């Protein structure tokens, strides 16, 4: 993958949720919501608060979906990031 976000943007790979609940009920793929966490893969030149490999939390409807080499990613602005896990 060769993608460099511009300005204050981040390239994020969503972190997958588990497919079962605590009680063992399996959740089908079409019933799951997209996770609101992701691993930062690349950052733009104007990004100072976030580093590559950080796990970030973002709003449910934030960012723009992007498909690169058949894999789904998300491009976020730094202002869409609610916090960094860790």
PDB file of N, CA and C in Angstrom:
ATOM      1  N   UNK A   1       0.843  -1.172   0.000  1.00  0.00           N
ATOM      2  CA  UNK A   1       0.000   0.000   0.000  1.00  0.00           C
ATOM      3  C   UNK A   1       0.890   1.237   0.000  1.00  0.00           C
ATOM      4  N   UNK A   2       0.563   2.164  -0.862  1.00  0.00           N
ATOM      5  CA  UNK A   2       1.327   3.400  -0.956  1.00  0.00           C
ATOM      6  C   UNK A   2       0.350   4.567  -0.908  1.00  0.00           C
ATOM      7  N   UNK A   3       0.188   5.143   0.289  1.00  0.00           N
ATOM      8  CA  UNK A   3      -0.750   6.247   0.468  1.00  0.00           C
ATOM      9  C   UNK A   3      -0.210   7.167   1.548  1.00  0.00           C
ATOM     10  N   UNK A   4      -0.104   8.454   1.242  1.00  0.00           N
ATOM     11  CA  UNK A   4       0.370   9.454   2.197  1.00  0.00           C
ATOM     12  C   UNK A   4      -0.745  10.470   2.406  1.00  0.00           C
ATOM     13  N   UNK A   5      -1.351  10.510   3.617  1.00  0.00           N
ATOM     14  CA  UNK A   5      -2.383  11.515   3.872  1.00  0.00           C
ATOM     15  C   UNK A   5      -1.792  12.922   3.818  1.00  0.00           C
ATOM     16  N   UNK A   6      -2.594  13.879   3.407  1.00  0.00           N
ATOM     17  CA  UNK A   6      -2.150  15.268   3.324  1.00  0.00           C
ATOM     18  C   UNK A   6      -2.622  16.058   4.533  1.00  0.00           C
ATOM     19  N   UNK A   7      -1.887  17.091   4.883  1.00  0.00           N
ATOM     20  CA  UNK A   7      -2.287  18.019   5.934  1.00  0.00           C
ATOM     21  C   UNK A   7      -2.455  17.374   7.286  1.00  0.00           C
ATOM     22  N   UNK A   8      -3.655  17.541   7.857  1.00  0.00           N
ATOM     23  CA  UNK A   8      -3.930  17.030   9.206  1.00  0.00           C
ATOM     24  C   UNK A   8      -4.756  15.750   9.169  1.00  0.00           C
ATOM     25  N   UNK A   9      -4.508  14.917   8.176  1.00  0.00           N
ATOM     26  CA  UNK A   9      -5.286  13.688   8.020  1.00  0.00           C
ATOM     27  C   UNK A   9      -4.479  12.453   8.440  1.00  0.00           C
ATOM     28  N   UNK A  10      -5.222  11.386   8.785  1.00  0.00           N
ATOM     29  CA  UNK A  10      -4.637  10.111   9.203  1.00  0.00           C
ATOM     30  C   UNK A  10      -5.212   8.993   8.348  1.00  0.00           C
ATOM     31  N   UNK A  11      -4.405   7.990   8.052  1.00  0.00           N
ATOM     32  CA  UNK A  11      -4.900   6.765   7.431  1.00  0.00           C
ATOM     33  C   UNK A  11      -5.024   5.734   8.548  1.00  0.00           C
ATOM     34  N   UNK A  12      -6.233   5.199   8.720  1.00  0.00           N
ATOM     35  CA  UNK A  12      -6.530   4.321   9.849  1.00  0.00           C
ATOM     36  C   UNK A  12      -7.094   2.995   9.344  1.00  0.00           C
ATOM     37  N   UNK A  13      -6.662   1.899   9.962  1.00  0.00           N
ATOM     38  CA  UNK A  13      -7.247   0.581   9.713  1.00  0.00           C
ATOM     39  C   UNK A  13      -8.141   0.265  10.900  1.00  0.00           C
ATOM     40  N   UNK A  14      -9.415   0.007  10.637  1.00  0.00           N
ATOM     41  CA  UNK A  14     -10.351  -0.278  11.725  1.00  0.00           C
ATOM     42  C   UNK A  14      -9.919  -1.514  12.503  1.00  0.00           C
ATOM     43  N   UNK A  15     -10.145  -1.478  13.813  1.00  0.00           N
ATOM     44  CA  UNK A  15      -9.877  -2.619  14.683  1.00  0.00           C
ATOM     45  C   UNK A  15     -11.155  -3.442  14.740  1.00  0.00           C
ATOM     46  N   UNK A  16     -11.045  -4.737  14.438  1.00  0.00           N
ATOM     47  CA  UNK A  16     -12.215  -5.608  14.405  1.00  0.00           C
ATOM     48  C   UNK A  16     -12.700  -5.937  15.805  1.00  0.00           C
ATOM     49  N   UNK A  17     -14.024  -5.971  15.958  1.00  0.00           N
ATOM     50  CA  UNK A  17     -14.636  -6.387  17.213  1.00  0.00           C
ATOM     51  C   UNK A  17     -14.770  -7.898  17.231  1.00  0.00           C
ATOM     52  N   UNK A  18     -14.977  -8.458  18.411  1.00  0.00           N
ATOM     53  CA  UNK A  18     -15.207  -9.897  18.516  1.00  0.00           C
ATOM     54  C   UNK A  18     -16.596 -10.232  17.987  1.00  0.00           C
ATOM     55  N   UNK A  19     -16.776 -11.458  17.527  1.00  0.00           N
ATOM     56  CA  UNK A  19     -18.042 -11.890  16.945  1.00  0.00           C
ATOM     57  C   UNK A  19     -18.995 -12.509  17.950  1.00  0.00           C
ATOM     58  N   UNK A  20     -18.604 -12.602  19.231  1.00  0.00           N
ATOM     59  CA  UNK A  20     -19.478 -13.189  20.232  1.00  0.00           C
ATOM     60  C   UNK A  20     -19.642 -12.234  21.403  1.00  0.00           C
ATOM     61  N   UNK A  21     -20.790 -12.344  22.053  1.00  0.00           N
ATOM     62  CA  UNK A  21     -21.031 -11.541  23.247  1.00  0.00           C
ATOM     63  C   UNK A  21     -20.410 -12.240  24.446  1.00  0.00           C
ATOM     64  N   UNK A  22     -20.431 -11.599  25.604  1.00  0.00           N
ATOM     65  CA  UNK A  22     -19.874 -12.182  26.822  1.00  0.00           C
ATOM     66  C   UNK A  22     -20.581 -13.484  27.188  1.00  0.00           C
ATOM     67  N   UNK A  23     -21.854 -13.601  26.824  1.00  0.00           N
ATOM     68  CA  UNK A  23     -22.601 -14.822  27.138  1.00  0.00           C
ATOM     69  C   UNK A  23     -22.455 -15.894  26.068  1.00  0.00           C
ATOM     70  N   UNK A  24     -21.671 -15.624  25.012  1.00  0.00           N
ATOM     71  CA  UNK A  24     -21.403 -16.634  23.984  1.00  0.00           C
ATOM     72  C   UNK A  24     -22.297 -16.575  22.773  1.00  0.00           C
ATOM     73  N   UNK A  25     -23.161 -15.572  22.667  1.00  0.00           N
ATOM     74  CA  UNK A  25     -24.035 -15.441  21.504  1.00  0.00           C
ATOM     75  C   UNK A  25     -23.218 -14.911  20.332  1.00  0.00           C
ATOM     76  N   UNK A  26     -23.326 -15.585  19.189  1.00  0.00           N
ATOM     77  CA  UNK A  26     -22.586 -15.177  17.984  1.00  0.00           C
ATOM     78  C   UNK A  26     -23.358 -14.071  17.274  1.00  0.00           C
ATOM     79  N   UNK A  27     -22.650 -12.989  16.951  1.00  0.00           N
ATOM     80  CA  UNK A  27     -23.260 -11.850  16.266  1.00  0.00           C
ATOM     81  C   UNK A  27     -22.944 -11.954  14.776  1.00  0.00           C
ATOM     82  N   UNK A  28     -23.974 -12.032  13.907  1.00  0.00           N
ATOM     83  CA  UNK A  28     -23.697 -12.101  12.470  1.00  0.00           C
ATOM     84  C   UNK A  28     -23.073 -10.800  11.966  1.00  0.00           C
ATOM     85  N   UNK A  29     -22.272 -10.909  10.898  1.00  0.00           N
ATOM     86  CA  UNK A  29     -21.567  -9.742  10.355  1.00  0.00           C
ATOM     87  C   UNK A  29     -22.498  -8.599   9.992  1.00  0.00           C
ATOM     88  N   UNK A  30     -23.697  -8.914   9.463  1.00  0.00           N
ATOM     89  CA  UNK A  30     -24.594  -7.842   9.037  1.00  0.00           C
ATOM     90  C   UNK A  30     -25.262  -7.125  10.208  1.00  0.00           C
ATOM     91  N   UNK A  31     -25.145  -7.647  11.432  1.00  0.00           N
ATOM     92  CA  UNK A  31     -25.744  -7.009  12.605  1.00  0.00           C
ATOM     93  C   UNK A  31     -24.742  -6.180  13.390  1.00  0.00           C
ATOM     94  N   UNK A  32     -23.467  -6.301  13.041  1.00  0.00           N
ATOM     95  CA  UNK A  32     -22.433  -5.567  13.777  1.00  0.00           C
ATOM     96  C   UNK A  32     -22.313  -4.146  13.262  1.00  0.00           C
ATOM     97  N   UNK A  33     -22.056  -3.229  14.182  1.00  0.00           N
ATOM     98  CA  UNK A  33     -21.740  -1.867  13.791  1.00  0.00           C
ATOM     99  C   UNK A  33     -20.248  -1.786  13.521  1.00  0.00           C
ATOM    100  N   UNK A  34     -19.861  -0.867  12.661  1.00  0.00           N
ATOM    101  CA  UNK A  34     -18.440  -0.686  12.424  1.00  0.00           C
ATOM    102  C   UNK A  34     -17.781  -0.158  13.690  1.00  0.00           C
ATOM    103  N   UNK A  35     -16.630  -0.691  14.029  1.00  0.00           N
ATOM    104  CA  UNK A  35     -15.967  -0.226  15.250  1.00  0.00           C
ATOM    105  C   UNK A  35     -15.540   1.228  15.140  1.00  0.00           C
ATOM    106  N   UNK A  36     -15.431   1.865  16.279  1.00  0.00           N
ATOM    107  CA  UNK A  36     -15.009   3.252  16.290  1.00  0.00           C
ATOM    108  C   UNK A  36     -13.587   3.380  16.825  1.00  0.00           C
ATOM    109  N   UNK A  37     -12.786   2.344  16.587  1.00  0.00           N
ATOM    110  CA  UNK A  37     -11.373   2.356  16.940  1.00  0.00           C
ATOM    111  C   UNK A  37     -10.576   1.917  15.733  1.00  0.00           C
ATOM    112  N   UNK A  38      -9.347   2.388  15.666  1.00  0.00           N
ATOM    113  CA  UNK A  38      -8.502   1.968  14.563  1.00  0.00           C
ATOM    114  C   UNK A  38      -7.039   2.221  14.849  1.00  0.00           C
ATOM    115  N   UNK A  39      -6.209   1.516  14.095  1.00  0.00           N
ATOM    116  CA  UNK A  39      -4.760   1.664  14.208  1.00  0.00           C
ATOM    117  C   UNK A  39      -4.287   2.645  13.139  1.00  0.00           C
ATOM    118  N   UNK A  40      -3.490   3.621  13.541  1.00  0.00           N
ATOM    119  CA  UNK A  40      -2.978   4.633  12.625  1.00  0.00           C
ATOM    120  C   UNK A  40      -1.845   4.020  11.796  1.00  0.00           C
ATOM    121  N   UNK A  41      -1.994   4.066  10.470  1.00  0.00           N
ATOM    122  CA  UNK A  41      -0.990   3.508   9.569  1.00  0.00           C
ATOM    123  C   UNK A  41      -0.102   4.571   8.941  1.00  0.00           C
ATOM    124  N   UNK A  42      -0.643   5.780   8.761  1.00  0.00           N
ATOM    125  CA  UNK A  42       0.121   6.875   8.148  1.00  0.00           C
ATOM    126  C   UNK A  42      -0.474   8.198   8.612  1.00  0.00           C
ATOM    127  N   UNK A  43       0.366   9.220   8.664  1.00  0.00           N
ATOM    128  CA  UNK A  43      -0.086  10.545   9.096  1.00  0.00           C
ATOM    129  C   UNK A  43       0.388  11.605   8.118  1.00  0.00           C
ATOM    130  N   UNK A  44      -0.378  12.693   8.050  1.00  0.00           N
ATOM    131  CA  UNK A  44       0.004  13.829   7.220  1.00  0.00           C
ATOM    132  C   UNK A  44       1.068  14.668   7.907  1.00  0.00           C
ATOM    133  N   UNK A  45       1.658  15.586   7.165  1.00  0.00           N
ATOM    134  CA  UNK A  45       2.752  16.427   7.676  1.00  0.00           C
ATOM    135  C   UNK A  45       2.342  17.349   8.813  1.00  0.00           C
ATOM    136  N   UNK A  46       1.060  17.713   8.892  1.00  0.00           N
ATOM    137  CA  UNK A  46       0.600  18.661   9.909  1.00  0.00           C
ATOM    138  C   UNK A  46       0.109  17.982  11.190  1.00  0.00           C
ATOM    139  N   UNK A  47       0.264  16.669  11.303  1.00  0.00           N
ATOM    140  CA  UNK A  47      -0.218  15.936  12.472  1.00  0.00           C
ATOM    141  C   UNK A  47       0.877  15.880  13.524  1.00  0.00           C
ATOM    142  N   UNK A  48       0.552  16.358  14.735  1.00  0.00           N
ATOM    143  CA  UNK A  48       1.520  16.351  15.820  1.00  0.00           C
ATOM    144  C   UNK A  48       1.064  15.506  17.006  1.00  0.00           C
ATOM    145  N   UNK A  49      -0.260  15.418  17.221  1.00  0.00           N
ATOM    146  CA  UNK A  49      -0.792  14.766  18.414  1.00  0.00           C
ATOM    147  C   UNK A  49      -0.803  13.245  18.326  1.00  0.00           C
ATOM    148  N   UNK A  50      -0.812  12.694  17.130  1.00  0.00           N
ATOM    149  CA  UNK A  50      -0.986  11.260  16.910  1.00  0.00           C
ATOM    150  C   UNK A  50       0.234  10.716  16.183  1.00  0.00           C
ATOM    151  N   UNK A  51       0.639   9.480  16.527  1.00  0.00           N
ATOM    152  CA  UNK A  51       1.775   8.830  15.877  1.00  0.00           C
ATOM    153  C   UNK A  51       1.311   7.572  15.154  1.00  0.00           C
ATOM    154  N   UNK A  52       2.099   7.102  14.209  1.00  0.00           N
ATOM    155  CA  UNK A  52       1.845   5.836  13.541  1.00  0.00           C
ATOM    156  C   UNK A  52       1.858   4.737  14.596  1.00  0.00           C
ATOM    157  N   UNK A  53       0.961   3.780  14.469  1.00  0.00           N
ATOM    158  CA  UNK A  53       0.756   2.635  15.375  1.00  0.00           C
ATOM    159  C   UNK A  53      -0.079   2.964  16.599  1.00  0.00           C
ATOM    160  N   UNK A  54      -0.477   4.226  16.809  1.00  0.00           N
ATOM    161  CA  UNK A  54      -1.404   4.547  17.893  1.00  0.00           C
ATOM    162  C   UNK A  54      -2.764   3.919  17.593  1.00  0.00           C
ATOM    163  N   UNK A  55      -3.492   3.552  18.649  1.00  0.00           N
ATOM    164  CA  UNK A  55      -4.886   3.118  18.508  1.00  0.00           C
ATOM    165  C   UNK A  55      -5.745   4.321  18.886  1.00  0.00           C
ATOM    166  N   UNK A  56      -6.538   4.794  17.924  1.00  0.00           N
ATOM    167  CA  UNK A  56      -7.345   5.990  18.141  1.00  0.00           C
ATOM    168  C   UNK A  56      -8.827   5.633  18.212  1.00  0.00           C
ATOM    169  N   UNK A  57      -9.569   6.462  18.927  1.00  0.00           N
ATOM    170  CA  UNK A  57     -11.024   6.333  19.022  1.00  0.00           C
ATOM    171  C   UNK A  57     -11.612   7.524  18.273  1.00  0.00           C
ATOM    172  N   UNK A  58     -12.631   7.253  17.452  1.00  0.00           N
ATOM    173  CA  UNK A  58     -13.212   8.313  16.636  1.00  0.00           C
ATOM    174  C   UNK A  58     -14.721   8.164  16.603  1.00  0.00           C
ATOM    175  N   UNK A  59     -15.405   9.210  16.180  1.00  0.00           N
ATOM    176  CA  UNK A  59     -16.856   9.203  16.108  1.00  0.00           C
ATOM    177  C   UNK A  59     -17.377   8.181  15.113  1.00  0.00           C
ATOM    178  N   UNK A  60     -18.586   7.706  15.359  1.00  0.00           N
ATOM    179  CA  UNK A  60     -19.195   6.646  14.561  1.00  0.00           C
ATOM    180  C   UNK A  60     -19.277   6.980  13.068  1.00  0.00           C
ATOM    181  N   UNK A  61     -19.576   8.219  12.734  1.00  0.00           N
ATOM    182  CA  UNK A  61     -19.747   8.606  11.328  1.00  0.00           C
ATOM    183  C   UNK A  61     -18.599   9.462  10.808  1.00  0.00           C
ATOM    184  N   UNK A  62     -17.450   9.375  11.442  1.00  0.00           N
ATOM    185  CA  UNK A  62     -16.299  10.201  11.064  1.00  0.00           C
ATOM    186  C   UNK A  62     -15.546   9.618   9.881  1.00  0.00           C
ATOM    187  N   UNK A  63     -14.863  10.487   9.174  1.00  0.00           N
ATOM    188  CA  UNK A  63     -13.927  10.066   8.147  1.00  0.00           C
ATOM    189  C   UNK A  63     -14.543   9.684   6.820  1.00  0.00           C
ATOM    190  N   UNK A  64     -13.656   9.273   5.926  1.00  0.00           N
ATOM    191  CA  UNK A  64     -14.022   8.856   4.579  1.00  0.00           C
ATOM    192  C   UNK A  64     -13.470   7.461   4.332  1.00  0.00           C
ATOM    193  N   UNK A  65     -14.347   6.533   3.910  1.00  0.00           N
ATOM    194  CA  UNK A  65     -13.897   5.176   3.602  1.00  0.00           C
ATOM    195  C   UNK A  65     -13.057   5.188   2.335  1.00  0.00           C
ATOM    196  N   UNK A  66     -12.040   4.334   2.325  1.00  0.00           N
ATOM    197  CA  UNK A  66     -11.114   4.265   1.197  1.00  0.00           C
ATOM    198  C   UNK A  66     -10.708   2.813   1.013  1.00  0.00           C
ATOM    199  N   UNK A  67     -10.690   2.334  -0.229  1.00  0.00           N
ATOM    200  CA  UNK A  67     -10.256   0.974  -0.520  1.00  0.00           C
ATOM    201  C   UNK A  67      -8.925   1.048  -1.268  1.00  0.00           C
ATOM    202  N   UNK A  68      -7.908   0.416  -0.680  1.00  0.00           N
ATOM    203  CA  UNK A  68      -6.580   0.348  -1.297  1.00  0.00           C
ATOM    204  C   UNK A  68      -6.169  -1.111  -1.388  1.00  0.00           C
ATOM    205  N   UNK A  69      -5.805  -1.556  -2.562  1.00  0.00           N
ATOM    206  CA  UNK A  69      -5.388  -2.945  -2.773  1.00  0.00           C
ATOM    207  C   UNK A  69      -6.424  -3.938  -2.247  1.00  0.00           C
ATOM    208  N   UNK A  70      -7.706  -3.598  -2.397  1.00  0.00           N
ATOM    209  CA  UNK A  70      -8.782  -4.487  -1.994  1.00  0.00           C
ATOM    210  C   UNK A  70      -9.081  -4.512  -0.502  1.00  0.00           C
ATOM    211  N   UNK A  71      -8.448  -3.653   0.267  1.00  0.00           N
ATOM    212  CA  UNK A  71      -8.646  -3.627   1.717  1.00  0.00           C
ATOM    213  C   UNK A  71      -9.232  -2.277   2.122  1.00  0.00           C
ATOM    214  N   UNK A  72     -10.162  -2.288   3.100  1.00  0.00           N
ATOM    215  CA  UNK A  72     -10.835  -1.059   3.521  1.00  0.00           C
ATOM    216  C   UNK A  72     -10.024  -0.307   4.582  1.00  0.00           C
ATOM    217  N   UNK A  73      -9.947   0.994   4.409  1.00  0.00           N
ATOM    218  CA  UNK A  73      -9.292   1.886   5.360  1.00  0.00           C
ATOM    219  C   UNK A  73     -10.193   3.088   5.584  1.00  0.00           C
ATOM    220  N   UNK A  74      -9.771   3.960   6.482  1.00  0.00           N
ATOM    221  CA  UNK A  74     -10.521   5.163   6.783  1.00  0.00           C
ATOM    222  C   UNK A  74      -9.544   6.331   6.823  1.00  0.00           C
ATOM    223  N   UNK A  75      -9.911   7.434   6.192  1.00  0.00           N
ATOM    224  CA  UNK A  75      -9.112   8.657   6.261  1.00  0.00           C
ATOM    225  C   UNK A  75      -9.844   9.612   7.201  1.00  0.00           C
ATOM    226  N   UNK A  76      -9.166   9.985   8.289  1.00  0.00           N
ATOM    227  CA  UNK A  76      -9.738  10.873   9.306  1.00  0.00           C
ATOM    228  C   UNK A  76      -8.966  12.168   9.357  1.00  0.00           C
ATOM    229  N   UNK A  77      -9.650  13.227   9.753  1.00  0.00           N
ATOM    230  CA  UNK A  77      -8.952  14.463  10.120  1.00  0.00           C
ATOM    231  C   UNK A  77      -8.638  14.351  11.611  1.00  0.00           C
ATOM    232  N   UNK A  78      -7.589  15.011  12.063  1.00  0.00           N
ATOM    233  CA  UNK A  78      -7.224  14.959  13.468  1.00  0.00           C
ATOM    234  C   UNK A  78      -8.391  15.394  14.350  1.00  0.00           C
ATOM    235  N   UNK A  79      -9.175  16.332  13.899  1.00  0.00           N
ATOM    236  CA  UNK A  79     -10.318  16.811  14.694  1.00  0.00           C
ATOM    237  C   UNK A  79     -11.389  15.745  14.885  1.00  0.00           C
ATOM    238  N   UNK A  80     -11.385  14.670  14.054  1.00  0.00           N
ATOM    239  CA  UNK A  80     -12.332  13.561  14.204  1.00  0.00           C
ATOM    240  C   UNK A  80     -11.908  12.602  15.310  1.00  0.00           C
ATOM    241  N   UNK A  81     -10.654  12.661  15.730  1.00  0.00           N
ATOM    242  CA  UNK A  81     -10.142  11.746  16.746  1.00  0.00           C
ATOM    243  C   UNK A  81     -10.573  12.239  18.124  1.00  0.00           C
ATOM    244  N   UNK A  82     -11.222  11.333  18.874  1.00  0.00           N
ATOM    245  CA  UNK A  82     -11.689  11.669  20.215  1.00  0.00           C
ATOM    246  C   UNK A  82     -10.628  11.424  21.257  1.00  0.00           C
ATOM    247  N   UNK A  83      -9.722  10.479  20.986  1.00  0.00           N
ATOM    248  CA  UNK A  83      -8.667  10.173  21.942  1.00  0.00           C
ATOM    249  C   UNK A  83      -7.787   9.041  21.443  1.00  0.00           C
ATOM    250  N   UNK A  84      -6.737   8.785  22.213  1.00  0.00           N
ATOM    251  CA  UNK A  84      -5.771   7.728  21.901  1.00  0.00           C
ATOM    252  C   UNK A  84      -5.831   6.709  23.026  1.00  0.00           C
ATOM    253  N   UNK A  85      -5.976   5.430  22.676  1.00  0.00           N
ATOM    254  CA  UNK A  85      -6.007   4.367  23.680  1.00  0.00           C
ATOM    255  C   UNK A  85      -4.578   3.997  24.066  1.00  0.00           C
ATOM    256  N   UNK A  86      -4.454   3.556  25.289  1.00  0.00           N
ATOM    257  CA  UNK A  86      -3.136   3.060  25.658  1.00  0.00           C
ATOM    258  C   UNK A  86      -2.741   3.481  26.975  1.00  0.00           C
TER     259      UNK A  86
END
